[in-house]
Protein backbone atom coordinates (compact mmCIF):
# COMPACT_ATOMS: atom_id res chain seq x y z
CA MET A 1 7.45 -16.57 7.52
CA ALA A 2 5.86 -15.27 10.72
CA THR A 3 5.31 -11.90 9.06
CA LEU A 4 3.58 -13.53 6.08
CA VAL A 5 1.30 -15.55 8.38
CA ARG A 6 0.41 -12.38 10.23
CA ILE A 7 -0.48 -10.68 6.94
CA LEU A 8 -2.69 -13.61 5.90
CA ARG A 9 -4.69 -13.36 9.11
CA HIS A 10 -6.27 -10.20 7.76
CA THR A 11 -8.10 -12.23 5.11
CA PHE A 12 -9.99 -14.07 7.87
CA ARG A 13 -11.95 -10.85 8.40
CA PHE A 14 -13.66 -11.54 5.07
CA PRO A 15 -13.87 -15.36 4.87
CA MET A 16 -16.68 -15.64 2.31
CA GLN A 17 -15.10 -13.21 -0.13
CA SER A 18 -11.73 -14.93 0.20
CA LEU A 19 -13.32 -18.36 -0.35
CA LEU A 20 -15.22 -17.14 -3.42
CA SER A 21 -12.01 -15.81 -4.93
CA LEU A 22 -10.28 -19.14 -4.30
CA LEU A 23 -13.10 -21.12 -5.94
CA MET A 24 -13.01 -18.90 -9.03
CA ALA A 25 -9.24 -19.39 -9.19
CA VAL A 26 -9.71 -23.17 -9.18
CA ALA A 27 -12.35 -22.95 -11.93
CA CYS A 28 -10.16 -20.70 -14.09
CA THR A 29 -7.26 -23.08 -13.69
CA ALA A 30 -9.28 -26.18 -14.60
CA LEU A 31 -10.48 -24.55 -17.82
CA VAL A 32 -6.94 -24.28 -19.20
CA LEU A 33 -6.98 -28.04 -19.82
CA VAL A 34 -9.58 -27.59 -22.54
CA LEU A 35 -7.11 -26.08 -25.02
CA PRO A 36 -4.51 -28.89 -25.08
CA GLY A 37 -7.36 -31.41 -25.15
CA ILE A 38 -8.91 -29.69 -28.16
CA THR A 39 -5.54 -29.56 -29.91
CA MET A 40 -5.20 -33.31 -29.53
CA GLN A 41 -8.77 -33.77 -30.78
CA PHE A 42 -8.10 -31.74 -33.93
CA ILE A 43 -4.88 -33.57 -34.82
CA ASP A 44 -5.52 -37.18 -33.78
CA VAL A 45 -9.24 -37.38 -34.58
CA ILE A 46 -10.48 -34.64 -36.90
CA ILE A 47 -7.41 -34.53 -39.19
CA ALA A 48 -6.12 -38.10 -38.83
CA LYS A 49 -9.56 -39.71 -39.24
CA ASN A 50 -11.00 -37.14 -41.67
CA ARG A 51 -13.90 -35.99 -39.45
CA PRO A 52 -14.85 -32.49 -40.72
CA ASP A 53 -18.20 -32.80 -38.96
CA LEU A 54 -16.41 -32.37 -35.61
CA ILE A 55 -14.65 -29.12 -36.49
CA VAL A 56 -17.43 -26.71 -35.50
CA PRO A 57 -18.47 -28.49 -32.25
CA THR A 58 -14.86 -28.83 -31.12
CA ALA A 59 -14.09 -25.19 -31.92
CA ALA A 60 -17.27 -24.12 -30.10
CA VAL A 61 -16.17 -25.96 -26.96
CA GLY A 62 -12.80 -24.22 -27.09
CA MET A 63 -14.31 -20.77 -27.57
CA GLY A 64 -16.79 -21.38 -24.77
CA ALA A 65 -14.01 -22.42 -22.39
CA ILE A 66 -11.97 -19.32 -23.22
CA LEU A 67 -15.00 -17.04 -22.75
CA LEU A 68 -15.93 -18.61 -19.42
CA ARG A 69 -12.34 -18.42 -18.18
CA GLN A 70 -12.07 -14.73 -19.02
CA LEU A 71 -15.43 -14.02 -17.39
CA LEU A 72 -14.34 -15.72 -14.18
CA PHE A 73 -11.03 -13.87 -14.31
CA THR A 74 -12.86 -10.54 -14.61
CA LEU A 75 -15.08 -11.32 -11.63
CA ARG A 76 -12.12 -12.50 -9.56
CA THR A 77 -10.17 -9.33 -10.35
CA TYR A 78 -13.13 -7.18 -9.26
CA PHE A 79 -13.64 -9.05 -5.98
CA ASN A 80 -9.91 -9.05 -5.23
CA ASN A 81 -9.61 -5.30 -5.75
CA GLN A 82 -12.62 -4.77 -3.52
CA LEU A 83 -11.06 -6.96 -0.84
CA GLU A 84 -7.74 -5.12 -1.09
CA LEU A 85 -9.44 -1.75 -0.58
CA LYS A 86 -11.29 -3.03 2.49
CA LEU A 87 -8.15 -4.52 4.02
CA THR A 88 -6.11 -1.41 3.29
CA HIS A 89 -8.72 0.77 4.98
CA LEU A 90 -8.88 -1.44 8.07
CA VAL A 91 -5.11 -1.67 8.52
CA ARG A 92 -4.63 2.03 7.85
CA VAL A 93 -7.24 2.94 10.49
CA GLU A 94 -5.70 0.44 12.92
CA LEU A 95 -2.27 1.97 12.37
CA TYR A 96 -3.57 5.53 12.83
CA ASP A 97 -5.36 4.52 16.02
CA LYS A 98 -2.10 3.01 17.25
CA LEU A 99 -0.20 6.22 16.48
CA GLN A 100 -2.60 8.14 18.72
CA ARG A 101 -1.84 5.78 21.61
CA LEU A 102 1.95 6.02 21.40
CA PRO A 103 3.93 8.11 23.90
CA VAL A 104 5.09 11.57 22.83
CA LYS A 105 8.76 10.59 23.15
CA TRP A 106 8.25 8.04 20.35
CA PHE A 107 7.49 10.87 17.93
CA ASP A 108 10.69 12.64 18.95
CA SER A 109 12.75 9.84 17.40
CA ASN A 110 10.54 9.29 14.31
CA SER A 111 10.04 12.04 11.75
CA SER A 112 6.59 12.95 10.49
CA GLY A 113 7.61 12.19 6.91
CA GLU A 114 8.64 8.64 7.77
CA ILE A 115 5.41 8.06 9.70
CA MET A 116 3.37 9.35 6.76
CA SER A 117 5.27 7.02 4.44
CA ARG A 118 4.36 4.02 6.57
CA VAL A 119 0.68 4.96 6.66
CA ALA A 120 0.35 6.01 3.02
CA ASN A 121 2.78 3.61 1.29
CA ASP A 122 3.62 0.63 3.50
CA VAL A 123 0.01 -0.29 4.32
CA PRO A 124 -1.11 -0.69 0.66
CA THR A 125 2.13 -2.52 -0.17
CA THR A 126 1.51 -4.89 2.74
CA ASN A 127 -2.03 -5.75 1.63
CA ARG A 128 -0.88 -6.12 -1.96
CA VAL A 129 0.85 -9.28 -0.79
CA ILE A 130 -2.58 -10.79 -0.16
CA ILE A 131 -4.19 -9.72 -3.42
CA GLU A 132 -1.38 -9.72 -5.96
CA GLY A 133 0.90 -12.09 -4.10
CA VAL A 134 -1.02 -14.83 -2.32
CA ASP A 135 -3.96 -14.85 -4.73
CA GLN A 136 -1.75 -15.11 -7.81
CA ALA A 137 0.56 -17.57 -6.07
CA ILE A 138 -2.35 -19.88 -5.23
CA ALA A 139 -3.68 -19.64 -8.79
CA ALA A 140 -0.20 -20.29 -10.18
CA ILE A 141 0.38 -23.33 -7.96
CA LEU A 142 -3.03 -24.76 -8.84
CA GLN A 143 -2.42 -24.22 -12.55
CA PHE A 144 1.01 -25.82 -12.37
CA LEU A 145 -0.24 -28.89 -10.50
CA ILE A 146 -3.37 -29.40 -12.63
CA VAL A 147 -1.48 -29.08 -15.92
CA LEU A 148 1.32 -31.27 -14.58
CA GLY A 149 -1.19 -33.98 -13.68
CA TYR A 150 -2.70 -33.73 -17.16
CA MET A 151 0.71 -34.16 -18.76
CA PHE A 152 1.67 -37.11 -16.55
CA TRP A 153 -1.63 -38.78 -17.43
CA HIS A 154 -0.82 -38.65 -21.16
CA SER A 155 2.93 -39.37 -21.06
CA TRP A 156 5.03 -39.54 -17.93
CA GLN A 157 8.24 -39.89 -19.96
CA LEU A 158 7.64 -36.70 -21.95
CA THR A 159 6.60 -34.90 -18.77
CA LEU A 160 9.84 -35.80 -16.99
CA VAL A 161 11.84 -34.44 -19.91
CA THR A 162 9.81 -31.22 -19.75
CA LEU A 163 10.58 -30.84 -16.03
CA VAL A 164 14.38 -31.05 -16.39
CA PRO A 165 14.87 -27.25 -15.99
CA LEU A 166 12.77 -26.99 -12.81
CA PRO A 167 15.45 -27.86 -10.19
CA PHE A 168 17.77 -25.19 -11.58
CA ILE A 169 14.96 -22.62 -11.56
CA ALA A 170 14.10 -23.48 -7.96
CA ILE A 171 17.72 -23.06 -6.82
CA ILE A 172 18.15 -19.68 -8.53
CA THR A 173 14.78 -18.36 -7.34
CA THR A 174 15.38 -19.36 -3.72
CA TRP A 175 18.84 -17.81 -3.73
CA TRP A 176 17.67 -14.53 -5.22
CA SER A 177 14.65 -14.21 -2.90
CA LYS A 178 16.91 -14.41 0.15
CA ARG A 179 19.48 -12.07 -1.34
CA SER A 180 17.01 -9.42 -2.51
CA GLU A 181 15.07 -9.01 0.76
CA PRO A 182 17.69 -6.80 2.49
CA MET A 183 18.05 -4.84 -0.75
CA TRP A 184 14.32 -4.07 -0.83
CA ARG A 185 14.45 -3.15 2.86
CA GLU A 186 17.20 -0.61 2.18
CA SER A 187 15.24 0.76 -0.78
CA SER A 188 12.11 1.15 1.34
CA GLU A 189 14.03 2.87 4.12
CA ALA A 190 15.63 5.25 1.61
CA THR A 191 12.18 6.16 0.26
CA SER A 192 10.93 6.84 3.77
CA ALA A 193 13.96 9.02 4.44
CA LEU A 194 13.24 11.00 1.27
CA ASN A 195 9.62 11.51 2.33
CA ALA A 196 10.81 12.63 5.75
CA VAL A 197 13.16 15.23 4.23
CA LEU A 198 10.43 16.50 1.91
CA HIS A 199 7.86 16.76 4.71
CA ASP A 200 10.24 18.46 7.12
CA ASN A 201 11.46 20.94 4.51
CA LEU A 202 7.95 21.87 3.40
CA SER A 203 6.77 22.16 7.01
CA GLY A 204 9.70 24.42 7.81
CA ILE A 205 9.76 26.34 4.53
CA ARG A 206 9.32 29.65 6.35
CA GLN A 207 12.39 28.99 8.49
CA ILE A 208 14.37 27.88 5.43
CA LYS A 209 13.52 31.11 3.64
CA ALA A 210 14.05 33.23 6.73
CA TYR A 211 17.60 31.91 7.20
CA THR A 212 18.22 31.69 3.41
CA VAL A 213 19.38 28.08 3.59
CA GLU A 214 17.66 26.99 0.37
CA PRO A 215 20.93 25.64 -1.13
CA GLN A 216 21.57 23.46 1.92
CA ALA A 217 17.97 22.21 1.89
CA LEU A 218 18.25 21.42 -1.81
CA GLU A 219 21.51 19.55 -1.24
CA THR A 220 19.92 17.46 1.53
CA PHE A 221 16.96 16.60 -0.69
CA ASP A 222 19.28 15.84 -3.62
CA LYS A 223 21.30 13.37 -1.53
CA ALA A 224 18.16 11.63 -0.25
CA SER A 225 16.72 11.38 -3.76
CA ARG A 226 19.97 10.00 -5.20
CA LYS A 227 20.10 7.39 -2.45
CA VAL A 228 16.60 6.19 -3.37
CA GLY A 229 17.70 5.74 -6.98
CA GLU A 230 20.91 3.96 -5.98
CA LYS A 231 19.17 1.51 -3.65
CA HIS A 232 16.42 0.76 -6.16
CA MET A 233 18.94 0.35 -8.96
CA THR A 234 20.85 -2.19 -6.89
CA VAL A 235 17.78 -4.43 -6.89
CA MET A 236 17.00 -3.80 -10.55
CA ARG A 237 20.59 -4.61 -11.53
CA GLY A 238 20.33 -7.98 -9.85
CA GLN A 239 16.94 -8.73 -11.37
CA SER A 240 18.15 -7.80 -14.85
CA MET A 241 20.76 -10.55 -14.58
CA VAL A 242 18.82 -13.22 -12.69
CA TRP A 243 15.44 -13.40 -14.43
CA PRO A 244 16.63 -13.55 -18.05
CA GLY A 245 18.69 -16.54 -16.97
CA VAL A 246 15.64 -18.13 -15.38
CA SER A 247 13.64 -17.53 -18.58
CA PHE A 248 16.38 -19.11 -20.69
CA ILE A 249 16.44 -22.23 -18.52
CA ALA A 250 12.64 -22.48 -18.51
CA GLU A 251 12.28 -22.04 -22.26
CA SER A 252 14.97 -24.63 -22.93
CA GLY A 253 12.48 -27.16 -21.57
CA ILE A 254 10.22 -26.82 -24.62
CA ILE A 255 13.15 -27.63 -26.93
CA LEU A 256 13.94 -30.76 -24.94
CA MET A 257 10.25 -31.69 -24.90
CA VAL A 258 9.74 -31.28 -28.66
CA ALA A 259 12.99 -33.10 -29.43
CA TYR A 260 12.03 -36.11 -27.31
CA GLY A 261 8.45 -36.00 -28.61
CA ALA A 262 9.70 -36.04 -32.21
CA TRP A 263 11.94 -39.02 -31.47
CA ALA A 264 9.13 -40.92 -29.71
CA THR A 265 6.75 -40.20 -32.60
CA LEU A 266 9.26 -41.48 -35.15
CA GLN A 267 9.65 -44.63 -33.05
CA GLY A 268 5.89 -45.12 -33.07
CA GLN A 269 5.66 -44.71 -29.30
CA MET A 270 3.57 -41.53 -29.34
CA GLU A 271 0.87 -39.83 -31.40
CA VAL A 272 1.55 -36.47 -33.02
CA GLY A 273 -1.49 -35.05 -31.23
CA VAL A 274 0.06 -35.80 -27.85
CA VAL A 275 3.20 -33.87 -28.75
CA MET A 276 1.16 -30.89 -29.96
CA ALA A 277 -1.02 -31.04 -26.84
CA PHE A 278 2.15 -30.90 -24.75
CA VAL A 279 3.34 -27.85 -26.70
CA VAL A 280 0.09 -26.08 -25.77
CA ALA A 281 0.17 -27.37 -22.19
CA TRP A 282 3.79 -26.26 -21.80
CA GLY A 283 2.69 -22.65 -22.03
CA PHE A 284 0.25 -23.14 -19.17
CA LEU A 285 2.77 -25.17 -17.17
CA PHE A 286 5.53 -22.57 -17.32
CA ASP A 287 3.26 -19.53 -17.24
CA PRO A 288 3.38 -19.57 -13.40
CA ILE A 289 7.17 -19.70 -13.59
CA SER A 290 7.18 -16.58 -15.77
CA ARG A 291 5.40 -14.79 -12.92
CA ILE A 292 8.06 -15.66 -10.35
CA ASN A 293 9.84 -12.35 -10.85
CA THR A 294 6.72 -10.28 -10.18
CA LEU A 295 5.55 -12.51 -7.33
CA ALA A 296 8.95 -12.55 -5.64
CA GLN A 297 9.16 -8.78 -5.88
CA THR A 298 5.63 -8.37 -4.50
CA PHE A 299 6.26 -10.74 -1.60
CA THR A 300 9.64 -9.28 -0.70
CA ARG A 301 8.50 -5.66 -0.80
CA GLY A 302 5.26 -6.52 0.99
CA ILE A 303 7.00 -8.36 3.82
CA VAL A 304 9.48 -5.52 4.26
CA SER A 305 6.62 -3.00 4.40
CA ALA A 306 4.65 -5.24 6.77
CA GLU A 307 7.59 -5.42 9.17
CA ARG A 308 7.72 -1.62 9.22
CA VAL A 309 3.97 -1.41 9.89
CA PHE A 310 3.99 -4.12 12.56
CA THR A 311 6.92 -2.45 14.29
CA ILE A 312 4.64 0.49 15.05
CA ILE A 313 1.64 -1.67 15.95
CA ASP A 314 3.75 -3.73 18.37
CA THR A 315 5.15 -0.65 20.14
CA PRO A 316 3.79 -0.44 23.73
CA ASP A 317 1.00 2.09 24.26
CA GLU A 318 1.38 5.16 26.39
CA THR A 319 0.41 4.31 29.97
CA HIS A 320 -2.59 6.00 31.63
CA LEU A 321 -3.61 7.36 28.23
CA THR A 322 -7.25 7.97 29.18
CA GLU A 323 -6.53 9.20 32.68
CA GLY A 324 -4.83 12.42 31.71
CA GLN A 325 -1.43 11.32 33.07
CA ARG A 326 1.72 11.56 30.95
């Protein structure tokens, strides 16, 4: 958690741009309510009461809401990418400046390839937590809460039935997030080790050729490359089993919702339009849940990369750096 908070502090360098992105996220989320509302209007008013004069105006409102939502999404994507590039540049420069202030003995125990991996790969992965992780997480939470409030307002009973799968999803997601973090750390370290081998071999290619040790160098690279694949496959194997199960549990909610809605409609306790509006709203309610896999992966990999970056930044500087003493 402390690492995530430290990552988020970088956004304070651009407060206005971050605030603008948040406001657009709120607006995009609010616009999703138009579609279930229009669905209810078509079924309970236009069809049930034979009002063909309302078809065009109602459809126009829906099309306008979709167009505005996509326009805001486009602008938010542009601003977020711009913010990510700025943050990546600042952190990368900060990390490079730190490397210049470290004692020489530190470089003796850290290979050039691993250092390059942290500057070139870990910094962008760290900042991706802010753009792809935090930004999408905030939008997802807002969308979930706004749609949930809309559903409770129309029928709290049907909403509770829809939410039956959520506790199981929360348990599985929390368990997997904790379990996958060390796996991603091992995968990241294996990638850095591969980069280190590649850099060292290319830097010393003349020595390798002079002593004709190409087979040994190839074997070393082969082992490092295989280890990267093995570590990454360990994570992918777990995800291939966990997330289909989460999707199954989530999608079972719509069956429960439609079944209860059909029963309530037959009992005269609910309008057909409400059930259909819930079917549309369900997609927006569980859309954030469908992103859990991507978000969890982004957060886990980003935090692991951030810890590797902050380890360098937190290393004490070389003493008397500007006084010519070593």
